[in-house]
């Protein structure tokens, strides 16, 4: 059985290069996938907060146990104290690309390759070895996003996460449909998915912070010239 986060990682990786090219926030997205899986297992619950900028408050279900070490570790973090979903998706995602990559390599799905960029900086890549599971996931997504089938919980979670990342049209064969229609279908299905919404909000907050920092740096440069 694959975790939702493992499926998401496979979708985001370039099969040949083994890189997360074009995925600026993979850790945040993978943290969201783990949080969704905990919610589907009944191990955590989210309390919606009203008002702009108010993140869903997430609480652990007392005494829950998970039969997967990644999920159990994530549950233990949630159980420390109630936290906002936006904070949790970032916290839970730290180190997940490497951890999940190692798990998938151990199962013969990916291959771990080590190299150095410019001969100095360590770099890990995860090219595909066995793509059969990923191809089936893509077919399931196409049935939902292109053919209009109703998703099961796992596929619905993936759709919501891909929508939050703006990636839904890029992981399926459109079958002649415009990319905008595929994206709209994904967005409609994602409505109400609070963990996926936390991923989107965390990405937006990070983007806004980087934009503000860049603007401030440019302004400072102009002022000093």
Protein backbone atom coordinates (compact mmCIF):
# COMPACT_ATOMS: atom_id res chain seq x y z
CA UNK A 1 0.00 0.00 0.00
CA UNK A 2 1.30 3.43 -0.94
CA UNK A 3 0.83 6.56 1.13
CA UNK A 4 -0.92 9.53 -0.46
CA UNK A 5 2.32 11.45 0.07
CA UNK A 6 4.26 8.78 -1.83
CA UNK A 7 1.83 8.99 -4.73
CA UNK A 8 2.19 12.78 -4.74
CA UNK A 9 5.99 12.56 -4.73
CA UNK A 10 5.92 10.20 -7.71
CA UNK A 11 3.68 12.61 -9.61
CA UNK A 12 5.93 15.58 -8.87
CA UNK A 13 9.21 13.87 -9.76
CA UNK A 14 10.59 13.94 -13.28
CA UNK A 15 10.82 10.20 -14.05
CA UNK A 16 14.03 10.48 -16.07
CA UNK A 17 15.90 13.21 -14.20
CA UNK A 18 14.66 12.24 -10.75
CA UNK A 19 14.26 15.87 -9.75
CA UNK A 20 11.39 17.97 -8.45
CA UNK A 21 11.79 20.47 -11.27
CA UNK A 22 8.98 23.03 -11.31
CA UNK A 23 7.79 22.11 -7.81
CA UNK A 24 8.81 25.03 -5.61
CA UNK A 25 7.11 23.78 -2.45
CA UNK A 26 7.35 19.97 -2.40
CA UNK A 27 7.88 19.71 1.35
CA UNK A 28 4.78 21.77 2.10
CA UNK A 29 2.70 19.71 -0.32
CA UNK A 30 3.95 16.41 1.10
CA UNK A 31 3.23 17.65 4.62
CA UNK A 32 -0.31 18.38 3.47
CA UNK A 33 -0.61 14.88 2.03
CA UNK A 34 0.41 13.34 5.36
CA UNK A 35 -2.05 15.56 7.23
CA UNK A 36 -4.88 14.56 4.89
CA UNK A 37 -4.04 10.88 5.38
CA UNK A 38 -4.14 11.31 9.15
CA UNK A 39 -7.55 12.96 8.83
CA UNK A 40 -8.86 10.16 6.61
CA UNK A 41 -7.66 7.65 9.22
CA UNK A 42 -9.54 9.52 11.94
CA UNK A 43 -6.28 10.28 13.75
CA UNK A 44 -6.71 14.06 13.59
CA UNK A 45 -9.57 16.50 13.15
CA UNK A 46 -9.74 20.07 11.93
CA UNK A 47 -11.75 22.87 13.50
CA UNK A 48 -12.61 25.53 10.94
CA UNK A 49 -11.84 29.11 11.96
CA UNK A 50 -13.81 32.06 10.67
CA UNK A 51 -12.15 35.20 9.38
CA UNK A 52 -9.49 36.08 6.84
CA UNK A 53 -6.10 34.55 7.56
CA UNK A 54 -7.41 32.14 10.21
CA UNK A 55 -5.98 28.68 9.66
CA UNK A 56 -7.93 25.54 10.58
CA UNK A 57 -6.93 24.36 14.08
CA UNK A 58 -5.84 20.71 14.03
CA UNK A 59 -6.12 18.39 17.02
CA UNK A 60 -4.98 14.79 17.45
CA UNK A 61 -7.48 12.06 18.30
CA UNK A 62 -6.33 10.76 21.71
CA UNK A 63 -4.80 7.29 21.63
CA UNK A 64 -4.68 6.89 17.86
CA UNK A 65 -2.03 4.49 16.51
CA UNK A 66 -0.88 4.21 12.92
CA UNK A 67 0.66 1.21 11.21
CA UNK A 68 3.12 3.33 9.22
CA UNK A 69 6.17 5.04 10.69
CA UNK A 70 5.81 8.21 8.61
CA UNK A 71 2.19 8.63 9.65
CA UNK A 72 2.95 7.78 13.29
CA UNK A 73 5.75 10.35 13.41
CA UNK A 74 3.41 12.97 11.94
CA UNK A 75 0.67 12.06 14.41
CA UNK A 76 3.13 12.45 17.30
CA UNK A 77 3.87 16.01 16.14
CA UNK A 78 0.17 16.88 15.92
CA UNK A 79 -0.42 15.33 19.35
CA UNK A 80 2.10 17.69 20.99
CA UNK A 81 -0.49 20.49 20.98
CA UNK A 82 -3.20 21.94 18.72
CA UNK A 83 -1.66 23.87 15.85
CA UNK A 84 -2.89 25.69 12.78
CA UNK A 85 -3.04 23.57 9.63
CA UNK A 86 -0.89 26.06 7.74
CA UNK A 87 1.90 25.70 10.32
CA UNK A 88 1.54 21.92 10.40
CA UNK A 89 1.85 21.30 6.66
CA UNK A 90 5.20 23.09 6.73
CA UNK A 91 6.35 21.39 9.94
CA UNK A 92 5.31 17.89 8.83
CA UNK A 93 6.88 18.27 5.40
CA UNK A 94 10.43 18.86 6.60
CA UNK A 95 12.70 16.13 5.28
CA UNK A 96 9.84 14.19 3.69
CA UNK A 97 11.11 14.19 0.06
CA UNK A 98 14.26 12.36 1.18
CA UNK A 99 12.50 10.05 3.60
CA UNK A 100 9.81 9.04 1.12
CA UNK A 101 12.36 8.78 -1.67
CA UNK A 102 14.37 6.30 0.38
CA UNK A 103 11.24 4.26 1.11
CA UNK A 104 10.30 4.10 -2.55
CA UNK A 105 13.87 3.21 -3.52
CA UNK A 106 13.82 0.34 -1.01
CA UNK A 107 10.70 -0.97 -2.78
CA UNK A 108 12.32 -0.79 -6.21
CA UNK A 109 10.13 2.10 -7.41
CA UNK A 110 12.85 4.76 -7.50
CA UNK A 111 16.64 4.74 -7.59
CA UNK A 112 18.66 6.97 -5.28
CA UNK A 113 21.50 8.73 -7.12
CA UNK A 114 24.03 10.96 -5.38
CA UNK A 115 26.01 13.64 -7.16
CA UNK A 116 27.46 17.11 -6.62
CA UNK A 117 26.42 20.36 -8.25
CA UNK A 118 29.45 22.33 -9.49
CA UNK A 119 31.53 19.61 -7.86
CA UNK A 120 30.74 21.04 -4.42
CA UNK A 121 27.13 20.80 -3.30
CA UNK A 122 25.60 17.36 -2.57
CA UNK A 123 22.56 16.53 -4.65
CA UNK A 124 20.18 13.58 -4.48
CA UNK A 125 18.03 12.53 -7.43
CA UNK A 126 15.28 9.90 -7.62
CA UNK A 127 14.81 8.63 -11.20
CA UNK A 128 12.03 6.11 -11.76
CA UNK A 129 12.80 2.39 -11.92
CA UNK A 130 9.27 0.94 -11.95
CA UNK A 131 6.54 3.35 -13.13
CA UNK A 132 3.58 0.96 -13.12
CA UNK A 133 2.01 2.27 -9.92
CA UNK A 134 2.49 5.90 -10.94
CA UNK A 135 0.89 5.21 -14.31
CA UNK A 136 -2.16 3.69 -12.59
CA UNK A 137 -2.43 6.75 -10.32
CA UNK A 138 -2.36 8.99 -13.39
CA UNK A 139 -5.08 6.90 -15.04
CA UNK A 140 -7.26 7.24 -11.93
CA UNK A 141 -6.71 10.99 -11.92
CA UNK A 142 -7.59 11.19 -15.62
CA UNK A 143 -10.84 9.32 -15.02
CA UNK A 144 -11.76 11.92 -12.41
CA UNK A 145 -10.41 15.11 -13.96
CA UNK A 146 -11.03 14.40 -17.65
CA UNK A 147 -13.79 11.80 -17.81
CA UNK A 148 -15.80 13.18 -14.88
CA UNK A 149 -15.79 10.13 -12.61
CA UNK A 150 -16.35 10.64 -8.89
CA UNK A 151 -13.11 10.21 -6.92
CA UNK A 152 -12.54 7.89 -4.00
CA UNK A 153 -11.04 9.47 -0.87
CA UNK A 154 -7.40 8.93 -1.86
CA UNK A 155 -7.82 10.21 -5.40
CA UNK A 156 -9.87 13.13 -4.12
CA UNK A 157 -7.05 14.01 -1.72
CA UNK A 158 -4.50 13.94 -4.53
CA UNK A 159 -6.73 16.13 -6.70
CA UNK A 160 -7.05 18.68 -3.88
CA UNK A 161 -3.29 18.77 -3.31
CA UNK A 162 -2.49 19.05 -7.00
CA UNK A 163 -5.03 21.86 -7.29
CA UNK A 164 -3.37 23.69 -4.38
CA UNK A 165 -0.05 23.40 -6.23
CA UNK A 166 -1.54 24.42 -9.58
CA UNK A 167 -0.35 21.08 -11.02
CA UNK A 168 -3.58 19.23 -11.79
CA UNK A 169 -3.55 19.79 -15.58
CA UNK A 170 0.10 18.73 -15.80
CA UNK A 171 -0.22 15.19 -14.45
CA UNK A 172 -2.91 13.80 -16.79
CA UNK A 173 -3.60 13.39 -20.48
CA UNK A 174 -6.27 16.03 -21.16
CA UNK A 175 -7.97 13.93 -23.82
CA UNK A 176 -8.55 17.05 -25.88
CA UNK A 177 -9.92 19.14 -23.01
CA UNK A 178 -8.41 22.60 -22.38
CA UNK A 179 -6.04 22.76 -19.41
CA UNK A 180 -8.25 25.44 -17.86
CA UNK A 181 -11.20 23.02 -17.79
CA UNK A 182 -9.11 20.36 -16.07
CA UNK A 183 -7.90 22.92 -13.53
CA UNK A 184 -11.47 24.07 -12.90
CA UNK A 185 -12.65 20.52 -12.30
CA UNK A 186 -9.81 19.99 -9.81
CA UNK A 187 -10.62 23.22 -8.00
CA UNK A 188 -14.29 22.26 -7.69
CA UNK A 189 -13.39 18.87 -6.20
CA UNK A 190 -10.90 20.49 -3.82
CA UNK A 191 -13.50 22.72 -2.17
CA UNK A 192 -13.72 21.92 1.52
CA UNK A 193 -10.40 20.06 1.74
CA UNK A 194 -8.92 22.02 4.65
CA UNK A 195 -5.52 20.35 4.64
CA UNK A 196 -5.07 21.05 0.92
CA UNK A 197 -6.24 24.61 1.50
CA UNK A 198 -3.55 24.94 4.19
CA UNK A 199 -0.97 23.90 1.58
CA UNK A 200 -2.22 26.59 -0.79
CA UNK A 201 -2.24 29.22 1.97
CA UNK A 202 1.28 28.30 3.10
CA UNK A 203 2.54 28.59 -0.48
CA UNK A 204 0.80 31.94 -0.93
CA UNK A 205 2.24 33.22 2.34
CA UNK A 206 5.76 32.13 1.34
CA UNK A 207 5.40 33.71 -2.09
CA UNK A 208 4.14 36.96 -0.57
CA UNK A 209 7.05 37.03 1.89
CA UNK A 210 9.61 36.47 -0.88
CA UNK A 211 7.98 39.16 -3.04
CA UNK A 212 8.03 41.61 -0.14
CA UNK A 213 11.68 40.85 0.59
CA UNK A 214 12.63 41.32 -3.07
CA UNK A 215 10.71 44.59 -3.28
CA UNK A 216 12.38 45.86 -0.09
CA UNK A 217 15.82 44.94 -1.41
CA UNK A 218 15.19 46.74 -4.70
CA UNK A 219 13.86 49.80 -2.86
CA UNK A 220 16.90 49.86 -0.59
CA UNK A 221 19.20 49.64 -3.60
CA UNK A 222 17.44 52.52 -5.32
CA UNK A 223 17.52 54.65 -2.15
CA UNK A 224 21.27 54.14 -1.71
CA UNK A 225 22.14 54.94 -5.33
